[in-house]
Amino acid sequence: MGFAGLYMLHRLRGLGLSAVAFEAGDDVGGTWYWNRYPGARCDVESMQYSFSFADLQQQWRWSERYAAQPEILTYARHVAERLDLKRDIRFETRVLSAHFDEAAARWTVRTDRGDRVSARFCVMATGCLSTAKLPEIPGVASFAGPTYHTGAWPHEGVDFSGQRVGVIGTGSSAIQAIPVIARQAAHLTVFQRTANFSVPAQNRPMTPDYEAGWKAEYAERRRRAKELRTGILLVLNDKSALAATEDERRAEYETRWENGGIPFMAAFNDLLLNKAANDTAAEFVREKIRAIVRDPAVAEMLTPKDHPRRHRLFRDVQPRQRHAGRRAPFADHGDHRPGRDDDGSELQPG
């Protein structure tokens, strides 16, 4: 039961309705319950990645600018306990069928535990990426070593010390996991089709002043965020990248690169609408990659120009590419985006 499900259950209670929720896991958290892979972290700042009702945003304290999976899971548990939501959630239960009787205008829901529930409303809070997709690689079934999927990571964790590890794909989950696994494994090989570009998050511990600033202006900042298509408050630049001089563009990109995160894509107003404008941002990121990857051949594979792909704004691009340049060979295998594909802005390559 993720944040959407928790909020829906809370709202239904507020409307005076009785409700029951079914959850396959044994606890709340949704995405943050299942995705426990090394390095899992949110790409939305902690001060915005929170509920705005019941004084939750004022009372909860985040430890980092971008919260990691364990802390977000703890927050989800806190919300469920604070609002007493667990009494209406049936854990370790999967829905087998949901049928609507038009004559009676009611749903009948059956579960794998034998529940048969009749309801006026049936709300799907399963998320858009709730089914894991395994890579279809010939011979994968005969692989003798252990295999893991970022969307169903062992809760006890995995020790890669002294191991030779292969990571398939460079989607958003892999971008987070690769630098952490590389620091532990004896050798790491990343199999990718086309490299993803990543803007560093510039994560840091939460400071009292930063937290206080947000909490003092939460109402106004939330209002402004709701007016944006992403729902995320950031500083927009209402100027075309093509209307700026080269020096102006570089200065703007540098400022946002140093600040980190999704706001990089708001550097100019046409990065997602005009390929020529987008090319200026893509080339800026390529220059950053070339500056930290020592092997020219690897750097070339990490700076594609002729294979359009979605390129994520995420954390730890620099550690990831340092490992790539020093110890991770790259092969032209089919790309796989492991686990969830976290929300985030995109940067198209030229």
Protein backbone atom coordinates (compact mmCIF):
# COMPACT_ATOMS: atom_id res chain seq x y z
CA MET A 1 0.00 0.00 0.00
CA GLY A 2 1.81 3.04 -1.31
CA PHE A 3 1.25 6.72 -0.59
CA ALA A 4 -1.65 6.98 -3.04
CA GLY A 5 -3.40 4.07 -1.35
CA LEU A 6 -2.79 5.45 2.13
CA TYR A 7 -4.17 8.83 1.13
CA MET A 8 -7.21 7.26 -0.56
CA LEU A 9 -8.01 5.20 2.53
CA HIS A 10 -7.73 8.31 4.69
CA ARG A 11 -9.98 10.30 2.35
CA LEU A 12 -12.62 7.59 2.17
CA ARG A 13 -12.82 7.55 5.94
CA GLY A 14 -13.20 11.32 5.90
CA LEU A 15 -16.19 10.95 3.57
CA GLY A 16 -17.85 8.68 6.10
CA LEU A 17 -17.35 5.51 4.07
CA SER A 18 -16.14 2.17 5.35
CA ALA A 19 -13.26 0.73 3.35
CA VAL A 20 -10.91 -2.23 3.20
CA ALA A 21 -7.58 -2.33 1.35
CA PHE A 22 -5.73 -5.41 0.12
CA GLU A 23 -1.92 -5.45 0.07
CA ALA A 24 0.36 -8.21 -1.24
CA GLY A 25 3.22 -7.21 1.06
CA ASP A 26 3.31 -7.56 4.82
CA ASP A 27 3.61 -3.82 5.43
CA VAL A 28 2.79 -0.43 3.91
CA GLY A 29 5.14 1.49 1.61
CA GLY A 30 4.27 0.41 -1.92
CA THR A 31 7.22 1.27 -4.15
CA TRP A 32 9.36 1.90 -1.10
CA TYR A 33 8.44 -1.49 0.39
CA TRP A 34 9.43 -3.50 -2.68
CA ASN A 35 12.34 -1.47 -4.06
CA ARG A 36 15.09 -1.95 -1.48
CA TYR A 37 17.99 -2.23 -3.89
CA PRO A 38 21.28 -0.51 -2.98
CA GLY A 39 21.10 3.24 -3.48
CA ALA A 40 17.31 3.50 -3.82
CA ARG A 41 16.40 7.13 -3.26
CA CYS A 42 13.71 9.61 -4.30
CA ASP A 43 14.43 12.15 -7.05
CA VAL A 44 12.00 14.70 -5.52
CA GLU A 45 13.31 16.74 -2.61
CA SER A 46 12.21 15.42 0.78
CA MET A 47 10.51 18.67 1.77
CA GLN A 48 8.16 18.24 -1.18
CA TYR A 49 7.85 14.45 -1.07
CA SER A 50 5.38 14.43 1.80
CA PHE A 51 1.70 14.70 2.66
CA SER A 52 0.37 18.19 3.27
CA PHE A 53 -2.58 17.30 5.53
CA ALA A 54 -3.01 16.54 9.24
CA ASP A 55 0.09 18.62 10.11
CA LEU A 56 2.28 15.79 8.82
CA GLN A 57 4.45 18.20 6.85
CA GLN A 58 5.13 20.29 9.93
CA GLN A 59 5.84 17.48 12.36
CA TRP A 60 7.94 15.08 10.29
CA ARG A 61 11.68 15.76 10.03
CA TRP A 62 13.73 14.51 7.09
CA SER A 63 17.44 13.81 7.51
CA GLU A 64 18.55 14.50 3.91
CA ARG A 65 17.68 16.73 0.99
CA TYR A 66 16.77 13.60 -1.01
CA ALA A 67 15.50 10.85 1.26
CA ALA A 68 16.70 7.27 0.84
CA GLN A 69 14.40 4.24 0.70
CA PRO A 70 14.70 3.24 4.39
CA GLU A 71 13.69 6.70 5.57
CA ILE A 72 10.77 6.97 3.15
CA LEU A 73 9.53 3.54 4.24
CA THR A 74 9.74 4.70 7.85
CA TYR A 75 7.70 7.76 6.89
CA ALA A 76 5.03 5.59 5.25
CA ARG A 77 4.79 3.48 8.41
CA HIS A 78 4.54 6.64 10.51
CA VAL A 79 1.66 7.94 8.39
CA ALA A 80 -0.19 4.61 8.62
CA GLU A 81 0.24 4.52 12.40
CA ARG A 82 -0.54 8.19 12.94
CA LEU A 83 -3.83 7.86 11.02
CA ASP A 84 -4.57 4.34 12.29
CA LEU A 85 -4.86 3.01 8.74
CA LYS A 86 -3.55 -0.51 9.23
CA ARG A 87 -6.76 -1.73 10.85
CA ASP A 88 -8.44 -1.49 7.43
CA ILE A 89 -5.57 -3.04 5.44
CA ARG A 90 -5.38 -6.80 4.87
CA PHE A 91 -1.71 -7.61 4.31
CA GLU A 92 -0.19 -10.54 2.44
CA THR A 93 -3.35 -10.73 0.36
CA ARG A 94 -3.76 -10.65 -3.41
CA VAL A 95 -6.96 -9.87 -5.31
CA LEU A 96 -7.94 -12.69 -7.66
CA SER A 97 -10.97 -11.10 -9.28
CA ALA A 98 -13.19 -8.02 -9.20
CA HIS A 99 -16.58 -8.24 -10.94
CA PHE A 100 -19.14 -5.46 -11.32
CA ASP A 101 -22.84 -6.31 -11.15
CA GLU A 102 -24.56 -3.63 -13.22
CA ALA A 103 -28.03 -4.49 -11.91
CA ALA A 104 -26.97 -4.17 -8.29
CA ALA A 105 -24.37 -1.46 -9.03
CA ARG A 106 -21.89 -3.22 -6.76
CA TRP A 107 -18.48 -4.85 -6.99
CA THR A 108 -17.63 -8.32 -5.75
CA VAL A 109 -13.94 -8.73 -4.93
CA ARG A 110 -12.32 -12.10 -4.18
CA THR A 111 -8.84 -12.68 -2.78
CA ASP A 112 -6.39 -15.55 -2.48
CA ARG A 113 -7.19 -15.78 1.24
CA GLY A 114 -10.84 -16.55 0.64
CA ASP A 115 -12.23 -13.05 1.18
CA ARG A 116 -15.40 -12.19 -0.69
CA VAL A 117 -16.13 -8.48 -0.35
CA SER A 118 -19.10 -6.58 -1.75
CA ALA A 119 -18.52 -2.87 -2.32
CA ARG A 120 -20.13 0.12 -3.99
CA PHE A 121 -16.77 1.42 -5.15
CA CYS A 122 -13.57 -0.37 -6.20
CA VAL A 123 -10.42 1.74 -6.34
CA MET A 124 -7.29 0.41 -8.05
CA ALA A 125 -4.21 1.64 -6.19
CA THR A 126 -1.82 -0.80 -7.85
CA GLY A 127 0.38 1.76 -9.57
CA CYS A 128 1.36 1.85 -13.22
CA LEU A 129 4.51 -0.27 -12.90
CA SER A 130 3.54 -2.87 -10.33
CA THR A 131 4.52 -5.96 -12.38
CA ALA A 132 8.23 -6.71 -12.64
CA LYS A 133 9.60 -7.31 -16.16
CA LEU A 134 12.44 -9.79 -16.37
CA PRO A 135 14.90 -9.52 -19.28
CA GLU A 136 14.26 -12.02 -22.06
CA ILE A 137 17.80 -13.27 -22.57
CA PRO A 138 18.41 -16.67 -24.19
CA GLY A 139 20.00 -19.04 -21.69
CA VAL A 140 19.20 -16.95 -18.62
CA ALA A 141 17.48 -19.92 -17.00
CA SER A 142 20.74 -21.89 -17.01
CA PHE A 143 22.71 -19.18 -15.17
CA ALA A 144 24.12 -20.88 -12.07
CA GLY A 145 24.61 -17.84 -9.87
CA PRO A 146 22.01 -15.91 -7.84
CA THR A 147 19.89 -13.34 -9.67
CA TYR A 148 18.08 -10.33 -8.26
CA HIS A 149 15.50 -7.86 -9.51
CA THR A 150 15.49 -4.32 -8.19
CA GLY A 151 11.69 -4.37 -7.93
CA ALA A 152 11.72 -7.43 -5.64
CA TRP A 153 14.91 -6.97 -3.66
CA PRO A 154 15.55 -9.28 -0.67
CA HIS A 155 14.56 -7.49 2.51
CA GLU A 156 17.63 -8.83 4.28
CA GLY A 157 19.87 -7.20 1.66
CA VAL A 158 22.61 -8.73 -0.49
CA ASP A 159 26.35 -8.88 0.23
CA PHE A 160 28.34 -8.48 -3.01
CA SER A 161 31.75 -8.52 -1.34
CA GLY A 162 34.26 -10.43 -3.47
CA GLN A 163 31.65 -11.15 -6.14
CA ARG A 164 31.68 -10.61 -9.90
CA VAL A 165 28.43 -8.79 -10.64
CA GLY A 166 26.59 -7.99 -13.85
CA VAL A 167 23.90 -5.30 -14.01
CA ILE A 168 21.54 -5.40 -16.98
CA GLY A 169 20.34 -1.99 -18.12
CA THR A 170 21.00 1.60 -17.17
CA GLY A 171 17.53 2.80 -16.29
CA SER A 172 16.78 4.90 -13.25
CA SER A 173 17.04 2.03 -10.74
CA ALA A 174 20.37 0.88 -12.18
CA ILE A 175 21.73 4.42 -12.12
CA GLN A 176 21.17 4.43 -8.39
CA ALA A 177 22.33 0.88 -7.72
CA ILE A 178 25.47 0.71 -9.88
CA PRO A 179 27.77 3.06 -7.90
CA VAL A 180 26.79 1.44 -4.59
CA ILE A 181 27.29 -2.12 -5.85
CA ALA A 182 30.56 -1.13 -7.55
CA ARG A 183 32.03 0.02 -4.26
CA GLN A 184 31.44 -3.42 -2.76
CA ALA A 185 31.81 -5.97 -5.58
CA ALA A 186 35.16 -7.37 -6.71
CA HIS A 187 34.19 -6.58 -10.31
CA LEU A 188 31.14 -5.00 -11.91
CA THR A 189 30.06 -5.27 -15.54
CA VAL A 190 27.18 -3.16 -16.81
CA PHE A 191 25.30 -4.36 -19.89
CA GLN A 192 23.58 -1.53 -21.67
CA ARG A 193 22.09 -0.64 -25.02
CA THR A 194 22.20 3.15 -24.79
CA ALA A 195 23.61 5.19 -21.95
CA ASN A 196 21.35 7.39 -19.83
CA PHE A 197 22.38 10.90 -18.90
CA SER A 198 22.07 11.81 -15.22
CA VAL A 199 22.26 15.13 -13.46
CA PRO A 200 23.76 14.79 -9.95
CA ALA A 201 21.31 15.42 -7.14
CA GLN A 202 23.91 17.18 -4.98
CA ASN A 203 22.36 15.47 -2.01
CA ARG A 204 23.31 16.66 1.46
CA PRO A 205 22.11 16.46 5.07
CA MET A 206 19.02 18.48 5.87
CA THR A 207 19.90 21.72 7.63
CA PRO A 208 17.67 23.34 10.28
CA ASP A 209 17.50 26.61 8.31
CA TYR A 210 16.47 24.90 5.05
CA GLU A 211 13.81 22.88 6.83
CA ALA A 212 12.49 25.90 8.73
CA GLY A 213 12.30 27.94 5.53
CA TRP A 214 10.07 25.36 3.90
CA LYS A 215 7.85 24.85 6.93
CA ALA A 216 7.32 28.58 7.34
CA GLU A 217 6.07 28.90 3.77
CA TYR A 218 4.54 25.49 3.13
CA ALA A 219 1.03 26.74 2.30
CA GLU A 220 2.22 29.18 -0.38
CA ARG A 221 4.81 26.79 -1.82
CA ARG A 222 2.29 23.96 -2.06
CA ARG A 223 -0.14 26.29 -3.82
CA ARG A 224 2.46 27.28 -6.40
CA ALA A 225 3.53 23.68 -6.93
CA LYS A 226 -0.04 22.68 -7.77
CA GLU A 227 0.02 25.15 -10.65
CA LEU A 228 2.95 23.33 -12.30
CA ARG A 229 2.44 20.30 -14.52
CA THR A 230 4.86 18.21 -12.46
CA GLY A 231 3.46 19.24 -9.11
CA ILE A 232 7.05 19.94 -8.07
CA LEU A 233 8.05 23.46 -7.12
CA LEU A 234 11.15 24.68 -8.93
CA VAL A 235 12.54 27.90 -10.36
CA LEU A 236 11.42 28.23 -13.98
CA ASN A 237 13.34 30.20 -16.58
CA ASP A 238 10.90 31.61 -19.13
CA LYS A 239 13.60 32.09 -21.76
CA SER A 240 14.49 29.98 -24.79
CA ALA A 241 17.85 28.27 -24.78
CA LEU A 242 18.27 29.48 -28.36
CA ALA A 243 17.67 33.10 -27.35
CA ALA A 244 20.56 32.99 -24.90
CA THR A 245 24.20 33.42 -25.81
CA GLU A 246 26.56 30.48 -25.41
CA ASP A 247 28.03 32.05 -22.29
CA GLU A 248 24.56 32.65 -20.83
CA ARG A 249 23.54 29.07 -21.51
CA ARG A 250 26.65 27.64 -19.94
CA ALA A 251 26.29 29.83 -16.86
CA GLU A 252 22.67 28.74 -16.40
CA TYR A 253 23.49 25.07 -16.88
CA GLU A 254 26.45 25.27 -14.51
CA THR A 255 24.34 26.91 -11.81
CA ARG A 256 21.65 24.26 -12.06
CA TRP A 257 24.18 21.42 -12.31
CA GLU A 258 25.77 22.57 -9.06
CA ASN A 259 22.35 22.89 -7.42
CA GLY A 260 21.41 19.43 -8.69
CA GLY A 261 18.29 17.47 -9.47
CA ILE A 262 15.22 17.94 -11.61
CA PRO A 263 15.41 21.79 -11.76
CA PHE A 264 18.15 21.35 -14.38
CA MET A 265 15.39 20.75 -16.93
CA ALA A 266 13.85 24.12 -16.11
CA ALA A 267 17.02 25.95 -17.15
CA PHE A 268 15.17 27.13 -20.27
CA ASN A 269 11.55 26.97 -21.36
CA ASP A 270 11.99 24.90 -24.52
CA LEU A 271 14.29 22.01 -23.55
CA LEU A 272 11.43 19.53 -23.83
CA LEU A 273 9.84 21.17 -26.86
CA ASN A 274 12.63 22.08 -29.26
CA LYS A 275 15.31 19.61 -30.35
CA ALA A 276 17.85 22.33 -31.10
CA ALA A 277 17.36 23.76 -27.61
CA ASN A 278 17.56 20.28 -26.11
CA ASP A 279 20.79 19.63 -27.98
CA THR A 280 22.47 22.44 -26.03
CA ALA A 281 21.60 20.75 -22.72
CA ALA A 282 22.59 17.30 -24.00
CA GLU A 283 25.98 18.54 -25.16
CA PHE A 284 26.58 20.20 -21.80
CA VAL A 285 26.00 16.85 -20.07
CA ARG A 286 28.27 15.09 -22.58
CA GLU A 287 31.06 17.49 -21.68
CA LYS A 288 30.59 16.69 -18.00
CA ILE A 289 30.81 12.97 -18.76
CA ARG A 290 33.94 13.32 -20.89
CA ALA A 291 35.59 15.28 -18.08
CA ILE A 292 35.32 12.43 -15.56
CA VAL A 293 35.57 9.24 -17.68
CA ARG A 294 39.23 8.51 -18.36
CA ASP A 295 38.77 5.84 -21.05
CA PRO A 296 37.87 7.65 -24.33
CA ALA A 297 36.13 4.54 -25.72
CA VAL A 298 33.91 4.21 -22.67
CA ALA A 299 33.25 7.95 -22.67
CA GLU A 300 32.08 7.69 -26.27
CA MET A 301 29.60 4.95 -25.34
CA LEU A 302 28.34 7.10 -22.48
CA THR A 303 27.70 10.12 -24.70
CA PRO A 304 25.36 8.87 -27.47
CA LYS A 305 24.21 11.24 -30.17
CA ASP A 306 22.37 9.07 -32.68
CA HIS A 307 20.23 6.77 -30.51
CA PRO A 308 17.36 8.78 -28.96
CA ARG A 309 16.49 7.50 -25.51
CA ARG A 310 14.91 8.87 -22.39
CA HIS A 311 17.59 10.32 -20.18
CA ARG A 312 16.98 10.61 -16.49
CA LEU A 313 17.79 13.27 -13.98
CA PHE A 314 19.00 11.32 -10.99
CA ARG A 315 21.65 11.00 -8.37
CA ASP A 316 25.29 9.96 -8.34
CA VAL A 317 26.13 10.37 -12.02
CA GLN A 318 29.73 11.16 -11.19
CA PRO A 319 30.46 8.11 -8.99
CA ARG A 320 28.70 5.93 -11.53
CA GLN A 321 30.82 7.17 -14.39
CA ARG A 322 34.04 7.05 -12.43
CA HIS A 323 33.41 3.37 -11.83
CA ALA A 324 32.43 2.95 -15.47
CA GLY A 325 35.67 4.48 -16.65
CA ARG A 326 37.87 2.54 -14.26
CA ARG A 327 36.45 -0.91 -13.97
CA ALA A 328 33.16 -1.53 -15.78
CA PRO A 329 33.25 -2.65 -19.43
CA PHE A 330 30.08 -1.93 -21.41
CA ALA A 331 28.48 -4.24 -23.97
CA ASP A 332 25.78 -3.69 -26.57
CA HIS A 333 23.08 -5.81 -24.98
CA GLY A 334 19.35 -5.17 -24.86
CA ASP A 335 18.59 -2.54 -22.28
CA HIS A 336 16.31 -3.33 -19.35
CA ARG A 337 14.93 -0.83 -16.90
CA PRO A 338 14.98 -2.77 -13.64
CA GLY A 339 12.36 -2.24 -10.99
CA ARG A 340 10.21 0.85 -10.99
CA ASP A 341 10.93 3.70 -13.37
CA ASP A 342 10.83 6.57 -10.92
CA ASP A 343 9.20 9.82 -11.76
CA GLY A 344 11.66 12.38 -13.04
CA SER A 345 12.27 14.83 -15.82
CA GLU A 346 13.78 13.67 -19.06
CA LEU A 347 16.57 14.83 -21.30
CA GLN A 348 16.61 13.68 -24.92
CA PRO A 349 20.01 13.18 -26.53
CA GLY A 350 20.87 14.95 -29.72
